Amino acid sequence: MTMNHKLVYQIDIREFFYRHKSKNPSIKNLLDLPAEFFDDLKSIGVDFLWLLGIYEPSLASREISISMKDLHKKYYSSLPDWKEEDVIGSPYAITSYKISREFGGEEVYKKFREKIRKNYKLKVILDFVPNHFAIDSPVVQKHPEFFIRATEEQKNQRPDDFITVNINGKEYIFAHGREPFSPVWKDTLQIDYRSKSAREFMMKELLKLSKKCDGVRCDMSMLLLSDVFFDNWKDYPLPDDYVPAAQEFWSDAISKVKKENPDFIFIAEVYWHREGDLLNLGFDYVYDKIIYEFLVNNQVDLINEYIKQNYTNRKNRFIFLENHDEQRSAHIFTSSKLQAGATLIYTLPGMKLIYDGQLEGREFHHAIQLRRLQGENEKSYIKTFYRTLFSTIKKSSIPEAYFKLLEPIPAWEGSPAYHNFIIYLYEDKKFNKDLVVINLSPYQSQCKVKVESYDVINKKFLIKDRLSDEEYVRDGNEMFYQGLYLDLKPYQSQIFEFIKVE
């Protein structure tokens, strides 16, 4: 797909590898993974494979993940028969950015990356976790000065937020990694970005990582913004090498990477309405959880207004119907609403995520501290729907065309049903057109929409729904001036191809 439309497929490689190796013990490393999986990604049109959990694991994170009773409820929900041997710790407790030996290590990974690029045109996205390292990371022992330290008094006030670590006979009170609105991540230590040497070290880590992949998904990126970081850690002692940074970490780091590799992709996991700040600092894509939340809460009017403000002439949003943090879409949405939501997500411009298991209709949320999935049967109707949707998008003008949000209007005076619609037009340089129409409500709904393309004036068109066998002949002047009449079933979607009638 084009820059307008990128598809990312995310797998938790630790769970994925364990699942396939359990079925086929001859699998020894990444190069042995089944070709059928990659053939499937190629047929869908996936551009990037995001490998969550690819690095050397943290043994300390595993022990903490076993001992934390608060996590057990999540484990039972994810895997009712879980055992201690299923717990592998958090993939976001980073010991180093070395590829895990479990998957073959650095050399095998390099061959794997070359193989999937050559055979399947797949690029690789890896995680960069800038906020913290695992408690047992070698970086802690080698560079204790890189981490936020606390006083005895602070530790006594909030003992769960800190840990005492002995390094070469000296005791340090370190702060666990955290963000302002949630409990600390107890298997991590917080990097101190007020430290000049810590900033320089993390930039070097990012530069090295950029040579291993084609893009990075930067975990909780907004935590490094100067105002956020200093507000979060203002009560803690300054490091000895504190020097006010001349510019934001991200601006400096991204420019250094892109100087060496201009095509490298930066994706920001970002919340708190700081998306614009990170785009201004050089990120290519920013998380957009807002549309997802509007979908969950049935706020169609807000979706229309939000698309108008954030998607017109933009292609820099990273959107999803589910990911490793959220509940499975097949669990929280009815089948019909899932299909409407998926049509919206995957036909909007930007970078779109597919989470492993989503296309098969998995319902059980997977706890990322576990290596084993709960067994589920595939939902063939969901799988068929997704295959049809992605095939339809590939054959349409959508990947290459310009995006324009259209405004639904009442089908007749006094009818409120037009509020239930999301409608947008794609038109390319050759005037090929596709009209995406989504009824995001549980009610049969009607509206009109003016097809805002001068190409339709004084012409007739056969408009064919690519998702069904419906087709109609319509007058271009009527569509342009009065509006095209639409009548859709609950949560129905249509993608209309326009064919001129001579």
Protein backbone atom coordinates (compact mmCIF):
# COMPACT_ATOMS: atom_id res chain seq x y z
CA MET A 1 0.00 0.00 0.00
CA THR A 2 1.05 3.65 -0.31
CA MET A 3 2.22 6.17 2.28
CA ASN A 4 -1.47 7.04 2.64
CA HIS A 5 -2.27 3.49 3.65
CA LYS A 6 0.23 1.37 5.55
CA LEU A 7 -0.66 -1.93 7.23
CA VAL A 8 1.22 -3.12 10.32
CA TYR A 9 0.79 -6.64 11.68
CA GLN A 10 1.73 -7.02 15.34
CA ILE A 11 2.78 -10.30 16.90
CA ASP A 12 3.93 -11.06 20.42
CA ILE A 13 6.88 -13.07 19.12
CA ARG A 14 7.41 -14.89 22.42
CA GLU A 15 3.86 -16.27 22.42
CA PHE A 16 3.85 -16.73 18.63
CA PHE A 17 7.13 -18.66 18.62
CA TYR A 18 6.08 -20.85 21.55
CA ARG A 19 2.72 -21.66 19.90
CA HIS A 20 4.29 -22.74 16.62
CA LYS A 21 7.17 -24.58 18.25
CA SER A 22 4.68 -26.52 20.41
CA LYS A 23 2.97 -27.70 17.23
CA ASN A 24 6.21 -28.34 15.37
CA PRO A 25 9.27 -29.12 17.55
CA SER A 26 11.55 -28.87 14.51
CA ILE A 27 11.22 -25.07 14.72
CA LYS A 28 14.52 -23.88 16.20
CA ASN A 29 14.62 -20.17 15.35
CA LEU A 30 12.93 -17.36 13.39
CA LEU A 31 13.97 -18.82 10.04
CA ASP A 32 11.87 -21.93 10.70
CA LEU A 33 8.55 -20.12 11.17
CA PRO A 34 5.85 -21.35 8.73
CA ALA A 35 5.84 -19.80 5.26
CA GLU A 36 2.03 -19.96 5.18
CA PHE A 37 1.84 -17.21 7.80
CA PHE A 38 3.96 -14.85 5.71
CA ASP A 39 2.12 -15.79 2.51
CA ASP A 40 -1.08 -14.75 4.25
CA LEU A 41 0.37 -11.38 5.27
CA LYS A 42 1.51 -10.78 1.71
CA SER A 43 -1.94 -11.59 0.31
CA ILE A 44 -3.56 -9.11 2.71
CA GLY A 45 -1.11 -6.38 1.77
CA VAL A 46 0.78 -6.02 5.06
CA ASP A 47 3.74 -3.62 4.87
CA PHE A 48 5.32 -3.97 8.32
CA LEU A 49 5.72 -6.78 10.83
CA TRP A 50 5.92 -5.50 14.41
CA LEU A 51 7.83 -7.96 16.59
CA LEU A 52 6.90 -7.36 20.22
CA GLY A 53 9.16 -9.10 22.74
CA ILE A 54 12.10 -9.81 20.44
CA TYR A 55 14.82 -8.80 22.93
CA GLU A 56 16.65 -10.76 25.62
CA PRO A 57 14.16 -11.29 28.46
CA SER A 58 14.39 -9.94 31.99
CA LEU A 59 14.56 -12.71 34.60
CA ALA A 60 13.75 -10.16 37.29
CA SER A 61 10.60 -9.15 35.43
CA ARG A 62 9.54 -12.80 35.31
CA GLU A 63 9.97 -13.20 39.07
CA ILE A 64 8.10 -9.97 39.77
CA SER A 65 5.34 -10.95 37.32
CA ILE A 66 4.92 -14.22 39.23
CA SER A 67 4.91 -12.58 42.66
CA MET A 68 2.52 -9.68 41.92
CA LYS A 69 -0.92 -10.87 43.03
CA ASP A 70 -2.56 -7.95 41.21
CA LEU A 71 -1.49 -9.53 37.91
CA HIS A 72 -2.94 -12.94 38.72
CA LYS A 73 -6.50 -11.79 38.02
CA LYS A 74 -5.37 -10.77 34.54
CA TYR A 75 -3.66 -14.12 34.06
CA TYR A 76 -6.76 -16.10 35.04
CA SER A 77 -8.88 -14.01 32.67
CA SER A 78 -6.39 -14.56 29.85
CA LEU A 79 -5.48 -18.18 30.59
CA PRO A 80 -7.60 -19.92 33.28
CA ASP A 81 -5.18 -22.85 33.61
CA TRP A 82 -2.00 -20.75 33.74
CA LYS A 83 1.01 -22.09 35.60
CA GLU A 84 4.21 -20.44 36.78
CA GLU A 85 6.10 -21.80 33.79
CA ASP A 86 3.76 -19.82 31.52
CA VAL A 87 4.92 -16.52 33.05
CA ILE A 88 7.78 -14.91 31.09
CA GLY A 89 7.70 -11.31 32.35
CA SER A 90 6.97 -8.07 30.55
CA PRO A 91 8.44 -7.45 27.09
CA TYR A 92 8.71 -3.79 28.10
CA ALA A 93 11.21 -4.50 30.87
CA ILE A 94 14.18 -4.11 28.54
CA THR A 95 17.52 -5.59 29.56
CA SER A 96 19.18 -4.57 26.28
CA TYR A 97 18.28 -4.21 22.62
CA LYS A 98 19.96 -7.49 21.71
CA ILE A 99 17.84 -10.08 19.88
CA SER A 100 16.94 -12.95 22.19
CA ARG A 101 18.93 -16.16 21.81
CA GLU A 102 15.62 -18.02 22.06
CA PHE A 103 14.88 -16.92 18.50
CA GLY A 104 18.40 -17.45 17.17
CA GLY A 105 20.13 -14.24 18.23
CA GLU A 106 21.45 -11.40 16.13
CA GLU A 107 22.76 -13.33 13.12
CA VAL A 108 19.60 -15.39 12.63
CA TYR A 109 17.45 -12.28 13.03
CA LYS A 110 19.48 -10.50 10.35
CA LYS A 111 18.88 -13.38 7.93
CA PHE A 112 15.21 -13.50 8.91
CA ARG A 113 14.78 -9.81 8.20
CA GLU A 114 16.42 -10.17 4.79
CA LYS A 115 14.28 -13.22 4.01
CA ILE A 116 10.91 -11.63 4.73
CA ARG A 117 11.88 -8.45 2.90
CA LYS A 118 12.95 -10.38 -0.20
CA ASN A 119 10.16 -12.98 -0.27
CA TYR A 120 7.21 -11.05 1.19
CA LYS A 121 8.15 -7.36 0.88
CA LEU A 122 7.80 -7.09 4.65
CA LYS A 123 9.65 -4.50 6.68
CA VAL A 124 10.23 -4.79 10.43
CA ILE A 125 9.14 -2.56 13.29
CA LEU A 126 10.71 -3.03 16.72
CA ASP A 127 9.98 -1.44 20.09
CA PHE A 128 12.08 1.35 21.53
CA VAL A 129 11.30 1.80 25.22
CA PRO A 130 12.98 5.09 26.14
CA ASN A 131 11.53 5.64 29.60
CA HIS A 132 13.19 2.83 31.54
CA PHE A 133 15.31 -0.32 31.66
CA ALA A 134 14.64 -3.57 33.48
CA ILE A 135 15.90 -3.82 37.05
CA ASP A 136 18.41 -6.47 35.98
CA SER A 137 19.66 -4.67 32.88
CA PRO A 138 23.47 -4.55 32.62
CA VAL A 139 23.06 -0.80 32.07
CA VAL A 140 22.06 -0.41 35.73
CA GLN A 141 25.26 -2.00 37.01
CA LYS A 142 27.46 -0.16 34.53
CA HIS A 143 25.79 3.25 34.67
CA PRO A 144 23.85 3.84 37.91
CA GLU A 145 24.20 7.57 37.23
CA PHE A 146 21.69 7.24 34.34
CA PHE A 147 18.75 6.58 36.66
CA ILE A 148 16.48 8.65 38.90
CA ARG A 149 17.54 8.40 42.52
CA ALA A 150 15.49 9.13 45.61
CA THR A 151 16.14 9.94 49.26
CA GLU A 152 15.50 7.65 52.22
CA GLU A 153 12.65 9.93 53.22
CA GLN A 154 10.97 9.58 49.81
CA LYS A 155 11.34 5.81 49.92
CA ASN A 156 9.85 5.65 53.43
CA GLN A 157 6.85 7.68 52.27
CA ARG A 158 6.16 5.49 49.21
CA PRO A 159 8.11 2.24 49.57
CA ASP A 160 6.46 0.58 46.55
CA ASP A 161 7.76 3.30 44.21
CA PHE A 162 11.45 2.66 44.87
CA ILE A 163 14.01 -0.09 45.20
CA THR A 164 17.42 -0.24 46.85
CA VAL A 165 20.13 -1.76 44.64
CA ASN A 166 23.67 -2.61 45.71
CA ILE A 167 26.25 -1.82 43.04
CA ASN A 168 29.90 -2.54 43.83
CA GLY A 169 29.24 -2.25 47.54
CA LYS A 170 27.33 1.02 47.31
CA GLU A 171 23.58 1.24 47.87
CA TYR A 172 21.41 3.29 45.53
CA ILE A 173 17.74 4.11 45.98
CA PHE A 174 16.29 4.05 42.46
CA ALA A 175 12.84 5.07 41.28
CA HIS A 176 10.78 2.56 39.35
CA GLY A 177 9.66 3.64 35.89
CA ARG A 178 6.25 5.26 35.84
CA GLU A 179 3.84 7.66 34.23
CA PRO A 180 1.91 10.20 36.32
CA PHE A 181 -1.51 8.55 36.39
CA SER A 182 -0.78 4.86 37.01
CA PRO A 183 1.11 2.65 39.47
CA VAL A 184 4.84 2.22 38.93
CA TRP A 185 6.27 -0.49 36.70
CA LYS A 186 7.97 -2.49 39.44
CA ASP A 187 10.24 -4.47 37.14
CA THR A 188 11.88 -1.31 35.76
CA LEU A 189 14.11 1.62 36.76
CA GLN A 190 13.46 5.15 35.54
CA ILE A 191 16.03 6.74 33.21
CA ASP A 192 16.90 10.33 34.17
CA TYR A 193 16.65 12.49 31.04
CA ARG A 194 17.95 15.47 32.99
CA SER A 195 21.33 13.73 32.77
CA LYS A 196 23.38 14.73 29.73
CA SER A 197 25.16 11.37 29.62
CA ALA A 198 21.88 9.42 29.92
CA ARG A 199 20.39 11.34 26.98
CA GLU A 200 23.47 10.72 24.87
CA PHE A 201 23.48 7.03 25.77
CA MET A 202 19.83 6.59 24.77
CA MET A 203 20.44 8.37 21.46
CA LYS A 204 23.27 5.94 20.73
CA GLU A 205 21.00 3.00 21.64
CA LEU A 206 18.37 4.31 19.24
CA LEU A 207 20.92 4.79 16.46
CA LYS A 208 22.14 1.20 16.89
CA LEU A 209 18.57 -0.10 16.94
CA SER A 210 17.72 1.80 13.76
CA LYS A 211 20.24 -0.35 11.89
CA LYS A 212 18.32 -3.51 12.86
CA CYS A 213 14.87 -2.54 11.60
CA ASP A 214 12.86 -0.26 9.35
CA GLY A 215 11.00 1.61 12.06
CA VAL A 216 10.44 1.86 15.78
CA ARG A 217 7.31 2.07 17.86
CA CYS A 218 8.36 4.37 20.70
CA ASP A 219 6.73 3.35 23.95
CA MET A 220 4.95 6.10 25.94
CA SER A 221 6.76 8.77 23.90
CA MET A 222 5.16 11.77 25.59
CA LEU A 223 6.89 10.93 28.90
CA LEU A 224 10.13 12.32 27.45
CA LEU A 225 8.69 15.74 26.60
CA SER A 226 10.56 18.22 28.77
CA ASP A 227 7.52 19.67 30.51
CA VAL A 228 6.10 16.20 31.23
CA PHE A 229 9.40 14.78 32.46
CA PHE A 230 10.33 17.69 34.70
CA ASP A 231 6.85 17.87 36.19
CA ASN A 232 6.90 14.13 36.87
CA TRP A 233 10.33 14.15 38.52
CA LYS A 234 10.73 17.68 39.89
CA ASP A 235 10.94 16.49 43.50
CA TYR A 236 13.97 14.26 42.93
CA PRO A 237 17.67 15.17 43.18
CA LEU A 238 19.24 16.47 39.98
CA PRO A 239 21.99 14.31 38.46
CA ASP A 240 25.59 15.48 38.74
CA ASP A 241 25.80 16.13 34.99
CA TYR A 242 22.55 18.05 34.73
CA VAL A 243 22.66 20.42 31.78
CA PRO A 244 19.46 21.96 30.36
CA ALA A 245 18.92 20.36 26.95
CA ALA A 246 19.14 22.73 24.00
CA GLN A 247 16.24 20.92 22.33
CA GLU A 248 13.77 18.13 22.97
CA PHE A 249 15.23 14.61 23.05
CA TRP A 250 12.97 13.44 20.24
CA SER A 251 13.86 16.27 17.89
CA ASP A 252 17.57 15.61 18.35
CA ALA A 253 17.31 11.81 18.23
CA ILE A 254 15.00 11.61 15.21
CA SER A 255 17.11 14.04 13.18
CA LYS A 256 20.25 12.00 13.91
CA VAL A 257 18.60 8.74 12.80
CA LYS A 258 17.01 10.23 9.70
CA LYS A 259 20.30 11.80 8.68
CA GLU A 260 21.65 8.25 8.31
CA ASN A 261 18.39 6.66 7.12
CA PRO A 262 15.80 9.14 5.76
CA ASP A 263 13.21 6.38 5.19
CA PHE A 264 13.26 5.15 8.78
CA ILE A 265 9.79 5.26 10.40
CA PHE A 266 9.04 6.67 13.85
CA ILE A 267 5.72 5.77 15.51
CA ALA A 268 4.81 7.46 18.79
CA GLU A 269 2.66 5.79 21.39
CA VAL A 270 1.14 8.99 22.76
CA TYR A 271 -1.84 10.08 24.85
CA TRP A 272 -3.04 13.20 26.73
CA HIS A 273 -3.57 15.16 23.48
CA ARG A 274 0.18 15.52 22.87
CA GLU A 275 0.03 14.06 19.36
CA GLY A 276 0.68 17.40 17.67
CA ASP A 277 3.76 18.06 19.80
CA LEU A 278 5.34 14.78 18.76
CA LEU A 279 4.52 15.26 15.09
CA ASN A 280 6.22 18.65 15.30
CA LEU A 281 9.31 16.95 16.74
CA GLY A 282 9.62 14.64 13.73
CA PHE A 283 7.48 11.56 14.32
CA ASP A 284 6.00 10.05 11.16
CA TYR A 285 2.94 8.58 12.87
CA VAL A 286 1.23 9.09 16.21
CA TYR A 287 -1.16 6.80 18.04
CA ASP A 288 -4.81 7.71 17.65
CA LYS A 289 -6.76 6.02 20.41
CA ILE A 290 -9.47 8.68 20.25
CA ILE A 291 -11.32 7.19 17.27
CA TYR A 292 -11.18 3.79 18.97
CA GLU A 293 -12.76 5.27 22.11
CA PHE A 294 -15.45 7.03 20.07
CA LEU A 295 -16.27 3.69 18.43
CA VAL A 296 -16.49 1.91 21.77
CA ASN A 297 -18.79 4.64 23.11
CA ASN A 298 -20.99 4.93 19.97
CA GLN A 299 -20.16 8.62 19.46
CA VAL A 300 -20.71 8.98 15.71
CA ASP A 301 -21.02 12.78 15.70
CA LEU A 302 -17.69 13.08 17.48
CA ILE A 303 -16.06 10.71 14.98
CA ASN A 304 -17.19 12.89 12.07
CA GLU A 305 -15.89 16.08 13.68
CA TYR A 306 -12.65 14.40 14.73
CA ILE A 307 -11.98 13.06 11.23
CA LYS A 308 -12.66 16.52 9.82
CA GLN A 309 -10.08 18.07 12.14
CA ASN A 310 -7.41 15.37 12.08
CA TYR A 311 -7.58 13.39 8.82
CA THR A 312 -8.21 15.97 6.11
CA ASN A 313 -4.94 16.32 4.17
CA ARG A 314 -3.15 14.22 6.79
CA LYS A 315 -1.86 10.68 6.77
CA ASN A 316 0.07 10.53 10.04
CA ARG A 317 -2.28 8.67 12.37
CA PHE A 318 -1.64 5.17 13.69
CA ILE A 319 -5.06 3.63 14.27
CA PHE A 320 -6.39 0.30 15.46
CA LEU A 321 -9.45 -1.73 16.35
CA GLU A 322 -7.46 -3.65 18.96
CA ASN A 323 -3.89 -4.03 20.23
CA HIS A 324 -2.03 -5.74 23.07
CA ASP A 325 -3.31 -3.19 25.61
CA GLU A 326 -7.01 -3.22 24.71
CA GLN A 327 -9.71 -5.86 24.86
CA ARG A 328 -10.23 -7.95 21.75
CA SER A 329 -12.58 -6.31 19.26
CA ALA A 330 -14.53 -9.57 18.82
CA HIS A 331 -15.15 -9.49 22.58
CA ILE A 332 -16.40 -5.91 22.95
CA PHE A 333 -18.21 -5.44 19.63
CA THR A 334 -21.10 -7.34 18.09
CA SER A 335 -20.23 -8.97 14.77
CA SER A 336 -22.00 -6.28 12.74
CA LYS A 337 -20.46 -3.40 14.70
CA LEU A 338 -17.02 -4.98 14.42
CA GLN A 339 -17.40 -5.04 10.64
CA ALA A 340 -18.52 -1.40 10.53
CA GLY A 341 -15.67 -0.35 12.81
CA ALA A 342 -13.11 -2.30 10.80
CA THR A 343 -14.33 -0.75 7.55
CA LEU A 344 -13.86 2.68 9.11
CA ILE A 345 -10.39 1.98 10.53
CA TYR A 346 -8.95 0.28 7.45
CA THR A 347 -10.30 2.76 4.89
CA LEU A 348 -9.17 5.92 6.69
CA PRO A 349 -5.80 7.35 5.60
CA GLY A 350 -2.79 6.59 7.77
CA MET A 351 -1.05 3.59 9.29
CA LYS A 352 -3.38 0.80 10.43
CA LEU A 353 -2.64 -1.95 12.92
CA ILE A 354 -3.72 -5.58 12.76
CA TYR A 355 -3.12 -7.46 16.01
CA ASP A 356 -2.31 -11.16 15.77
CA GLY A 357 -5.53 -13.15 16.23
CA GLN A 358 -7.77 -10.25 15.26
CA LEU A 359 -8.47 -11.59 11.78
CA GLU A 360 -9.56 -14.93 13.24
CA GLY A 361 -11.94 -13.33 15.75
CA ARG A 362 -10.05 -14.13 18.95
CA GLU A 363 -11.98 -12.95 22.01
CA PHE A 364 -9.64 -13.57 24.95
CA HIS A 365 -7.25 -10.75 25.76
CA HIS A 366 -3.69 -12.06 26.00
CA ALA A 367 -1.64 -10.97 29.02
CA ILE A 368 1.77 -10.09 27.61
CA GLN A 369 3.49 -11.59 30.66
CA LEU A 370 2.33 -15.05 29.52
CA ARG A 371 3.77 -17.18 26.73
CA ARG A 372 0.69 -19.37 26.20
CA LEU A 373 -2.69 -18.49 24.68
CA GLN A 374 -6.06 -19.81 25.71
CA GLY A 375 -7.37 -22.13 23.00
CA GLU A 376 -10.10 -20.68 20.77
CA ASN A 377 -11.84 -21.70 17.59
CA GLU A 378 -11.52 -19.44 14.57
CA LYS A 379 -14.62 -17.48 13.63
CA SER A 380 -14.76 -18.19 9.92
CA TYR A 381 -17.24 -15.40 9.19
CA ILE A 382 -14.88 -12.79 10.68
CA LYS A 383 -11.93 -14.23 8.77
CA THR A 384 -13.94 -14.14 5.54
CA PHE A 385 -15.04 -10.56 6.22
CA TYR A 386 -11.49 -9.31 6.72
CA ARG A 387 -10.19 -11.09 3.63
CA THR A 388 -12.98 -9.51 1.59
CA LEU A 389 -12.35 -6.06 3.07
CA PHE A 390 -8.60 -6.05 2.43
CA SER A 391 -9.04 -7.48 -1.06
CA THR A 392 -11.62 -4.80 -1.81
CA ILE A 393 -9.39 -1.99 -0.58
CA LYS A 394 -6.46 -3.24 -2.68
CA LYS A 395 -8.62 -3.27 -5.84
CA SER A 396 -10.14 0.16 -5.19
CA SER A 397 -8.77 3.66 -5.73
CA ILE A 398 -8.34 4.09 -1.96
CA PRO A 399 -4.58 3.34 -1.67
CA GLU A 400 -3.60 5.95 -4.28
CA ALA A 401 -6.38 8.52 -4.05
CA TYR A 402 -7.09 11.78 -2.25
CA PHE A 403 -9.31 11.66 0.81
CA LYS A 404 -12.28 13.97 1.35
CA LEU A 405 -14.75 13.76 4.22
CA LEU A 406 -18.32 14.41 3.07
CA GLU A 407 -21.22 15.72 5.11
CA PRO A 408 -24.39 13.59 5.32
CA ILE A 409 -27.64 15.55 5.11
CA PRO A 410 -31.22 14.53 6.00
CA ALA A 411 -32.87 12.19 3.50
CA TRP A 412 -36.07 14.16 4.07
CA GLU A 413 -37.02 17.10 6.21
CA GLY A 414 -36.99 16.27 9.89
CA SER A 415 -35.18 12.93 9.57
CA PRO A 416 -32.39 12.63 12.20
CA ALA A 417 -30.88 9.41 10.83
CA TYR A 418 -28.17 11.23 8.85
CA HIS A 419 -26.27 11.64 12.14
CA ASN A 420 -25.53 7.89 12.04
CA PHE A 421 -23.33 8.08 8.93
CA ILE A 422 -19.62 8.44 8.26
CA ILE A 423 -19.03 9.12 4.55
CA TYR A 424 -15.89 9.99 2.63
CA LEU A 425 -14.77 10.09 -0.98
CA TYR A 426 -11.51 8.90 -2.50
CA GLU A 427 -10.59 10.27 -5.94
CA ASP A 428 -7.28 9.80 -7.72
CA LYS A 429 -5.57 11.87 -10.41
CA LYS A 430 -7.37 9.92 -13.14
CA PHE A 431 -10.74 10.64 -11.46
CA ASN A 432 -11.23 7.05 -10.34
CA LYS A 433 -13.56 7.29 -7.37
CA ASP A 434 -14.66 5.25 -4.37
CA LEU A 435 -17.30 6.40 -1.91
CA VAL A 436 -17.06 4.85 1.56
CA VAL A 437 -20.39 4.84 3.42
CA ILE A 438 -20.77 3.51 6.98
CA ASN A 439 -23.91 3.40 9.09
CA LEU A 440 -22.43 3.37 12.59
CA SER A 441 -25.69 2.68 14.37
CA PRO A 442 -27.86 -0.31 15.32
CA TYR A 443 -30.75 1.13 13.28
CA GLN A 444 -31.64 1.14 9.61
CA SER A 445 -30.74 4.67 8.53
CA GLN A 446 -31.16 6.96 5.56
CA CYS A 447 -29.40 10.11 4.39
CA LYS A 448 -28.28 12.00 1.33
CA VAL A 449 -24.73 13.04 0.53
CA LYS A 450 -23.48 15.46 -2.11
CA VAL A 451 -20.73 13.79 -4.13
CA GLU A 452 -18.26 16.66 -4.22
CA SER A 453 -16.40 15.88 -7.43
CA TYR A 454 -16.69 18.14 -10.47
CA ASP A 455 -16.03 15.06 -12.58
CA VAL A 456 -19.59 13.79 -11.96
CA ILE A 457 -21.32 16.84 -13.47
CA ASN A 458 -23.24 16.20 -16.72
CA LYS A 459 -22.49 12.47 -16.60
CA LYS A 460 -24.18 9.25 -15.57
CA PHE A 461 -22.56 6.61 -13.43
CA LEU A 462 -23.04 2.98 -12.59
CA ILE A 463 -22.22 2.87 -8.89
CA LYS A 464 -21.34 -0.62 -7.69
CA ASP A 465 -20.97 -1.64 -4.07
CA ARG A 466 -17.68 -3.53 -3.87
CA LEU A 467 -18.84 -5.28 -0.67
CA SER A 468 -22.07 -6.70 -2.13
CA ASP A 469 -23.81 -7.23 -5.46
CA GLU A 470 -25.78 -3.96 -5.30
CA GLU A 471 -25.45 -1.56 -8.22
CA TYR A 472 -27.38 1.46 -9.46
CA VAL A 473 -27.30 3.95 -12.30
CA ARG A 474 -27.29 7.51 -10.97
CA ASP A 475 -27.27 10.96 -12.55
CA GLY A 476 -24.13 12.95 -11.79
CA ASN A 477 -25.88 16.31 -11.55
CA GLU A 478 -28.34 14.95 -9.01
CA MET A 479 -25.51 13.43 -6.95
CA PHE A 480 -23.55 16.69 -7.05
CA TYR A 481 -26.35 19.20 -6.41
CA GLN A 482 -29.14 17.37 -4.57
CA GLY A 483 -27.22 14.45 -3.14
CA LEU A 484 -27.04 10.67 -3.50
CA TYR A 485 -29.76 8.91 -1.52
CA LEU A 486 -28.50 6.16 0.80
CA ASP A 487 -30.42 3.60 2.84
CA LEU A 488 -28.30 1.23 4.94
CA LYS A 489 -29.08 -1.58 7.36
CA PRO A 490 -27.80 -1.45 10.96
CA TYR A 491 -23.97 -1.22 10.97
CA GLN A 492 -23.86 -1.77 7.21
CA SER A 493 -20.94 -0.48 5.15
CA GLN A 494 -20.69 0.13 1.42
CA ILE A 495 -17.74 1.02 -0.80
CA PHE A 496 -19.10 2.34 -4.09
CA GLU A 497 -17.06 2.20 -7.27
CA PHE A 498 -18.03 4.84 -9.88
CA ILE A 499 -18.15 3.68 -13.50
CA LYS A 500 -19.11 6.16 -16.22
CA VAL A 501 -22.10 5.21 -18.35
CA GLU A 502 -21.66 6.35 -21.96
